Amino acid sequence: MMAGIEFAYPSMLYLLILIPVLIILEFTYFKKKIIAIPFPDTSYFNKTPVTWRKRFNWLPKFIRMITLACIIIGLARPRSASSGSNVTSEGISIVLALDVSGSMMAEDLRPNRIEAAKKVAQEFIKGRGNDLIGLVVFSGESFTQCPITSDHSVLLNMMDGLKSGMLSDGTAIGEGLATAVTRIKDSPTKSKVIILLTDGENNVGSVSPETAGEIAQAFGIRVYTIGVGRNGTAPFPFQTPFGIQYQNVEVRIDEPVLKKISATTDGKYFRATDNKKLDAIYKEIDKLEKTKVEVTEFRRYTEEFMPFAIASVILLALEFLLRLTVFRRIPS
């Protein structure tokens, strides 16, 4: 009965110590005050049978103690509490701008750059349940693979189909970033982020990366840029009449431009030279761009003193009735 019960005035429960004190007084001090009738010989009373009234003459006093306990517990105001919380979350809009040019087939990341980038990005998406996320791909031109959406299963399926060569070759970083800005600028969320991943230098397109970065800044969009590829050269597969042949190709990433874009938009530039570093980069971005969650806790109380109040009234009436009838004393 008392499970989940708390008391509004728990200090009142200290009064329960009165009950054992009264019991001790009842069997010591008050017992001596009983009025006795003197008899010259009491042997006659030893032969009288012990009636049930005499056996249970303690019952009214016991009921009185239970009544007192109920009154004290009722005064302490027992109540049951139910708690809960309202959780409101403010998601972030994110667009992944992914380079799918031919150079993304280089195998300095395993199994190659584009597959490594897809795998890490998919894990990133799975951990952003409250966010709106979209996907833009670019090489010699840019294309919106998936508008920003909360349906991440659709986004993940579309990312599975990405491959190098799906667009004309080249590296149009400026156009890829500009397309991402177009897709995210009207998003309803306060925070807007673009994660741009590339392994090369801007060599085609009508929009320069610097201009696209300034446009992003104007719309309050933060841009994180990632340069993919190890330092020096990387093995690149070439199709020949004799099958796939590998040749080491120089890794050329325009880091100054990528750094400038991130600095302009209050973002950050990262360099991923292997799979572990690429995974660590996305985890860091995940920490930097946390979804805002507000939790409001509340407690509701239900008063539980009424059963004790009713019990005390019933027990008090029962004791009074027993003393007037069954356990009536003469003189009273």
Protein backbone atom coordinates (compact mmCIF):
# COMPACT_ATOMS: atom_id res chain seq x y z
CA MET A 1 0.00 0.00 0.00
CA MET A 2 2.81 2.40 0.87
CA ALA A 3 4.87 1.67 -2.25
CA GLY A 4 5.55 4.89 -4.15
CA ILE A 5 4.20 6.99 -1.26
CA GLU A 6 5.95 10.07 0.09
CA PHE A 7 4.93 12.50 2.83
CA ALA A 8 4.39 16.25 2.57
CA TYR A 9 5.21 16.66 6.29
CA PRO A 10 7.47 13.70 7.15
CA SER A 11 8.49 15.26 10.48
CA MET A 12 4.98 14.52 11.78
CA LEU A 13 5.85 10.82 11.70
CA TYR A 14 8.08 11.35 14.73
CA LEU A 15 4.85 11.51 16.75
CA LEU A 16 4.49 7.75 16.22
CA ILE A 17 6.97 7.33 19.07
CA LEU A 18 4.07 8.32 21.38
CA ILE A 19 2.44 4.94 20.77
CA PRO A 20 5.08 2.73 22.47
CA VAL A 21 5.36 5.37 25.23
CA LEU A 22 1.60 5.19 25.88
CA ILE A 23 1.72 1.37 25.86
CA ILE A 24 4.47 1.39 28.50
CA LEU A 25 2.54 3.88 30.63
CA GLU A 26 -0.61 1.78 30.27
CA PHE A 27 1.07 -1.26 31.78
CA THR A 28 2.90 0.67 34.51
CA TYR A 29 1.56 4.00 35.73
CA PHE A 30 -2.11 3.83 34.64
CA LYS A 31 -2.52 0.24 35.83
CA LYS A 32 -1.80 1.36 39.41
CA LYS A 33 -4.65 3.91 39.22
CA ILE A 34 -7.36 1.27 38.77
CA ILE A 35 -9.96 1.60 41.54
CA ALA A 36 -10.08 -1.60 43.55
CA ILE A 37 -12.79 -2.91 45.92
CA PRO A 38 -11.28 -4.44 49.11
CA PHE A 39 -12.25 -8.02 49.98
CA PRO A 40 -11.15 -9.95 53.06
CA ASP A 41 -10.66 -13.11 51.03
CA THR A 42 -10.01 -13.31 47.26
CA SER A 43 -9.78 -17.08 46.96
CA TYR A 44 -13.35 -17.14 45.61
CA PHE A 45 -12.30 -15.17 42.51
CA ASN A 46 -9.57 -17.68 41.72
CA LYS A 47 -12.27 -20.28 41.00
CA THR A 48 -14.24 -18.09 38.60
CA PRO A 49 -13.75 -18.92 34.89
CA VAL A 50 -11.89 -16.47 32.66
CA THR A 51 -14.46 -15.06 30.24
CA TRP A 52 -13.76 -13.93 26.67
CA ARG A 53 -14.45 -10.37 27.77
CA LYS A 54 -11.60 -10.57 30.24
CA ARG A 55 -9.34 -12.21 27.66
CA PHE A 56 -9.98 -9.40 25.18
CA ASN A 57 -10.26 -6.45 27.55
CA TRP A 58 -7.11 -5.05 25.86
CA LEU A 59 -8.91 -4.69 22.53
CA PRO A 60 -10.27 -1.13 23.02
CA LYS A 61 -6.82 0.11 24.02
CA PHE A 62 -5.29 -1.60 20.99
CA ILE A 63 -7.90 0.02 18.72
CA ARG A 64 -7.09 3.39 20.32
CA MET A 65 -3.38 3.00 19.47
CA ILE A 66 -4.18 2.05 15.86
CA THR A 67 -6.48 5.09 15.67
CA LEU A 68 -3.72 7.35 16.95
CA ALA A 69 -1.29 5.90 14.36
CA CYS A 70 -3.80 6.56 11.54
CA ILE A 71 -4.31 10.16 12.71
CA ILE A 72 -0.54 10.82 12.83
CA ILE A 73 0.01 9.30 9.37
CA GLY A 74 -2.89 11.34 8.00
CA LEU A 75 -1.42 14.55 9.47
CA ALA A 76 1.89 13.75 7.67
CA ARG A 77 -0.09 13.97 4.38
CA PRO A 78 0.86 10.83 2.47
CA ARG A 79 0.72 11.30 -1.29
CA SER A 80 1.70 9.37 -4.37
CA ALA A 81 3.89 11.08 -6.94
CA SER A 82 4.00 10.52 -10.67
CA SER A 83 6.80 12.10 -12.64
CA GLY A 84 7.42 12.67 -16.32
CA SER A 85 9.22 14.91 -18.73
CA ASN A 86 8.53 16.86 -21.88
CA VAL A 87 11.34 16.55 -24.39
CA THR A 88 11.64 19.06 -27.20
CA SER A 89 14.43 18.79 -29.72
CA GLU A 90 15.65 21.23 -32.30
CA GLY A 91 17.28 19.39 -35.18
CA ILE A 92 19.91 20.63 -37.60
CA SER A 93 19.76 20.76 -41.37
CA ILE A 94 22.77 19.13 -42.98
CA VAL A 95 23.73 18.70 -46.63
CA LEU A 96 26.52 16.32 -47.56
CA ALA A 97 28.33 17.52 -50.68
CA LEU A 98 30.32 14.56 -51.99
CA ASP A 99 32.91 14.53 -54.76
CA VAL A 100 32.29 11.62 -57.20
CA SER A 101 34.96 12.49 -59.75
CA GLY A 102 37.16 9.78 -61.27
CA SER A 103 40.00 10.47 -58.85
CA MET A 104 37.79 9.23 -55.99
CA MET A 105 38.58 5.71 -57.21
CA ALA A 106 42.12 6.01 -55.82
CA GLU A 107 42.85 3.30 -53.28
CA ASP A 108 44.83 5.10 -50.61
CA LEU A 109 41.63 4.65 -48.55
CA ARG A 110 40.11 1.16 -48.54
CA PRO A 111 38.57 -0.13 -50.68
CA ASN A 112 38.75 3.28 -52.39
CA ARG A 113 38.03 6.89 -51.53
CA ILE A 114 34.41 7.00 -52.64
CA GLU A 115 33.40 3.77 -50.90
CA ALA A 116 35.18 4.81 -47.70
CA ALA A 117 33.45 8.21 -47.82
CA LYS A 118 30.05 6.55 -48.38
CA LYS A 119 30.47 4.14 -45.48
CA VAL A 120 31.51 6.78 -42.96
CA ALA A 121 28.79 9.19 -44.13
CA GLN A 122 26.14 6.48 -43.75
CA GLU A 123 27.19 5.81 -40.17
CA PHE A 124 27.07 9.57 -39.52
CA ILE A 125 23.52 9.75 -40.92
CA LYS A 126 22.33 6.86 -38.73
CA GLY A 127 23.40 8.77 -35.62
CA ARG A 128 21.51 11.96 -36.53
CA GLY A 129 17.92 10.85 -35.98
CA ASN A 130 16.50 14.34 -35.31
CA ASP A 131 18.15 16.10 -38.24
CA LEU A 132 17.12 16.93 -41.78
CA ILE A 133 19.83 15.66 -44.11
CA GLY A 134 20.30 15.96 -47.87
CA LEU A 135 22.88 14.82 -50.41
CA VAL A 136 24.55 16.70 -53.26
CA VAL A 137 27.11 15.07 -55.56
CA PHE A 138 29.53 16.82 -57.88
CA SER A 139 32.39 16.19 -60.28
CA GLY A 140 32.43 18.20 -63.54
CA GLU A 141 28.91 19.34 -62.65
CA SER A 142 26.70 19.17 -59.55
CA PHE A 143 23.48 17.30 -58.89
CA THR A 144 21.05 16.98 -55.97
CA GLN A 145 20.92 13.28 -55.24
CA CYS A 146 18.47 13.72 -52.33
CA PRO A 147 16.80 16.91 -51.02
CA ILE A 148 16.97 17.44 -47.25
CA THR A 149 14.66 14.94 -45.58
CA SER A 150 13.88 13.33 -42.25
CA ASP A 151 13.41 9.97 -44.00
CA HIS A 152 16.95 8.75 -43.57
CA SER A 153 16.22 5.30 -44.99
CA VAL A 154 15.56 6.88 -48.40
CA LEU A 155 18.76 8.92 -48.10
CA LEU A 156 20.82 5.85 -47.19
CA ASN A 157 19.44 3.92 -50.16
CA MET A 158 20.31 6.77 -52.52
CA MET A 159 23.81 6.94 -51.10
CA ASP A 160 24.28 3.23 -51.79
CA GLY A 161 23.88 3.94 -55.51
CA LEU A 162 26.65 6.53 -55.70
CA LYS A 163 29.60 5.71 -57.93
CA SER A 164 32.38 7.49 -59.72
CA GLY A 165 31.61 8.46 -63.31
CA MET A 166 27.89 9.10 -62.78
CA LEU A 167 28.52 12.74 -63.84
CA SER A 168 30.90 14.32 -66.34
CA ASP A 169 34.45 14.21 -65.05
CA GLY A 170 36.20 17.14 -63.40
CA THR A 171 36.09 18.79 -59.98
CA ALA A 172 33.57 21.62 -59.71
CA ILE A 173 33.91 22.39 -55.99
CA GLY A 174 32.30 25.82 -56.34
CA GLU A 175 29.23 24.48 -58.12
CA GLY A 176 28.89 21.58 -55.67
CA LEU A 177 28.94 23.99 -52.73
CA ALA A 178 26.57 26.44 -54.45
CA THR A 179 24.06 23.64 -55.12
CA ALA A 180 24.27 22.57 -51.48
CA VAL A 181 23.62 26.17 -50.36
CA THR A 182 20.57 26.34 -52.64
CA ARG A 183 19.17 23.17 -51.11
CA ILE A 184 19.67 24.16 -47.48
CA LYS A 185 19.20 27.93 -47.33
CA ASP A 186 15.38 27.77 -46.95
CA SER A 187 15.41 24.98 -44.36
CA PRO A 188 13.19 25.74 -41.31
CA THR A 189 15.88 24.88 -38.74
CA LYS A 190 18.06 27.53 -37.14
CA SER A 191 21.32 25.64 -37.62
CA LYS A 192 22.40 24.84 -41.17
CA VAL A 193 25.55 22.87 -41.99
CA ILE A 194 27.25 21.68 -45.17
CA ILE A 195 29.90 18.95 -45.08
CA LEU A 196 31.89 19.14 -48.32
CA LEU A 197 34.25 16.28 -49.16
CA THR A 198 36.65 16.37 -52.12
CA ASP A 199 40.00 14.96 -53.18
CA GLY A 200 41.06 17.51 -55.78
CA GLU A 201 41.27 21.07 -57.00
CA ASN A 202 38.53 23.14 -58.55
CA ASN A 203 39.11 22.95 -62.32
CA VAL A 204 35.66 23.40 -63.91
CA GLY A 205 32.39 25.18 -63.23
CA SER A 206 31.04 28.70 -63.43
CA VAL A 207 31.10 29.37 -59.67
CA SER A 208 34.39 29.67 -57.81
CA PRO A 209 34.70 27.93 -54.41
CA GLU A 210 35.44 31.28 -52.71
CA THR A 211 32.26 32.84 -54.12
CA ALA A 212 30.18 29.83 -53.05
CA GLY A 213 31.70 30.15 -49.56
CA GLU A 214 30.69 33.81 -49.37
CA ILE A 215 27.14 32.90 -50.41
CA ALA A 216 27.03 30.28 -47.65
CA GLN A 217 28.23 32.87 -45.15
CA ALA A 218 25.50 35.30 -46.25
CA PHE A 219 22.84 32.69 -45.43
CA GLY A 220 24.41 31.81 -42.07
CA ILE A 221 25.46 28.34 -43.23
CA ARG A 222 28.48 26.73 -41.62
CA VAL A 223 30.70 24.70 -43.97
CA TYR A 224 33.01 21.89 -42.88
CA THR A 225 35.43 20.90 -45.62
CA ILE A 226 37.27 17.58 -45.85
CA GLY A 227 40.24 16.92 -48.10
CA VAL A 228 40.57 13.18 -48.85
CA GLY A 229 43.84 11.57 -49.90
CA ARG A 230 47.18 10.76 -48.38
CA ASN A 231 50.24 12.91 -48.81
CA GLY A 232 52.39 12.30 -51.90
CA THR A 233 50.99 9.77 -54.36
CA ALA A 234 48.15 7.27 -54.28
CA PRO A 235 47.54 4.03 -56.23
CA PHE A 236 44.95 4.55 -58.95
CA PRO A 237 43.42 1.72 -61.05
CA PHE A 238 43.55 2.03 -64.85
CA GLN A 239 41.68 -0.21 -67.27
CA THR A 240 44.04 -1.65 -69.91
CA PRO A 241 43.69 -4.37 -72.56
CA PHE A 242 45.47 -6.62 -70.07
CA GLY A 243 43.09 -5.85 -67.17
CA ILE A 244 43.33 -3.45 -64.27
CA GLN A 245 46.75 -1.88 -63.84
CA TYR A 246 47.76 0.42 -61.00
CA GLN A 247 49.73 3.61 -61.26
CA ASN A 248 50.76 6.01 -58.50
CA VAL A 249 49.11 9.38 -59.11
CA GLU A 250 50.02 12.60 -57.33
CA VAL A 251 47.52 13.72 -54.70
CA ARG A 252 46.63 17.36 -55.31
CA ILE A 253 44.14 18.94 -52.89
CA ASP A 254 43.57 22.69 -52.89
CA GLU A 255 43.83 23.00 -49.11
CA PRO A 256 44.17 26.82 -49.01
CA VAL A 257 40.78 27.18 -50.77
CA LEU A 258 39.09 24.61 -48.55
CA LYS A 259 40.51 26.25 -45.44
CA LYS A 260 39.32 29.66 -46.63
CA ILE A 261 35.78 28.38 -47.21
CA SER A 262 35.62 26.92 -43.70
CA ALA A 263 37.13 30.02 -42.10
CA THR A 264 34.69 32.31 -43.94
CA THR A 265 31.67 30.33 -42.74
CA ASP A 266 32.89 29.68 -39.17
CA GLY A 267 33.45 26.02 -40.01
CA LYS A 268 36.56 23.85 -39.93
CA TYR A 269 38.87 22.13 -42.41
CA PHE A 270 39.95 18.48 -42.00
CA ARG A 271 42.39 16.26 -43.84
CA ALA A 272 41.64 12.55 -44.13
CA THR A 273 44.70 10.54 -45.17
CA ASP A 274 43.22 7.14 -44.24
CA ASN A 275 39.98 5.44 -43.18
CA LYS A 276 40.53 5.95 -39.45
CA LYS A 277 41.11 9.68 -39.83
CA LEU A 278 38.04 10.03 -42.03
CA ASP A 279 35.94 8.21 -39.41
CA ALA A 280 37.40 10.43 -36.65
CA ILE A 281 36.58 13.56 -38.67
CA TYR A 282 32.89 12.68 -38.94
CA LYS A 283 32.78 11.84 -35.23
CA GLU A 284 34.27 15.24 -34.42
CA ILE A 285 31.74 17.00 -36.63
CA ASP A 286 29.03 14.98 -34.91
CA LYS A 287 30.21 16.35 -31.55
CA LEU A 288 30.52 19.91 -32.85
CA GLU A 289 26.99 19.92 -34.27
CA LYS A 290 24.89 18.52 -31.45
CA THR A 291 21.11 18.60 -31.70
CA LYS A 292 19.62 20.90 -29.04
CA VAL A 293 17.42 18.94 -26.63
CA GLU A 294 15.39 20.60 -23.86
CA VAL A 295 13.94 18.42 -21.10
CA THR A 296 11.26 19.80 -18.76
CA GLU A 297 10.56 17.54 -15.80
CA PHE A 298 7.29 17.63 -13.89
CA ARG A 299 5.73 15.82 -10.90
CA ARG A 300 2.05 15.29 -10.14
CA TYR A 301 0.85 14.46 -6.62
CA THR A 302 -2.26 12.57 -5.54
CA GLU A 303 -3.29 12.97 -1.90
CA GLU A 304 -3.52 9.62 -0.08
CA PHE A 305 -4.46 10.75 3.45
CA MET A 306 -8.19 10.08 3.05
CA PRO A 307 -8.05 6.30 3.75
CA PHE A 308 -6.20 7.01 7.02
CA ALA A 309 -8.70 9.72 7.99
CA ILE A 310 -11.66 7.40 7.31
CA ALA A 311 -9.97 4.54 9.17
CA SER A 312 -9.30 6.73 12.22
CA VAL A 313 -12.96 7.85 12.37
CA ILE A 314 -14.24 4.26 12.06
CA LEU A 315 -11.79 2.93 14.66
CA LEU A 316 -12.59 5.77 17.07
CA ALA A 317 -16.29 5.04 16.74
CA LEU A 318 -15.64 1.31 17.18
CA GLU A 319 -13.67 1.85 20.40
CA PHE A 320 -16.35 4.16 21.79
CA LEU A 321 -19.05 1.59 20.96
CA LEU A 322 -17.12 -1.30 22.54
CA ARG A 323 -16.49 0.67 25.73
CA LEU A 324 -20.21 1.50 26.04
CA THR A 325 -21.37 -2.05 25.38
CA VAL A 326 -19.24 -5.19 25.44
CA PHE A 327 -16.35 -3.83 27.51
CA ARG A 328 -18.33 -1.45 29.72
CA ARG A 329 -16.95 -1.11 33.24
CA ILE A 330 -18.83 -0.49 36.44
CA PRO A 331 -18.11 2.04 37.75
CA SER A 332 -17.32 3.54 34.39
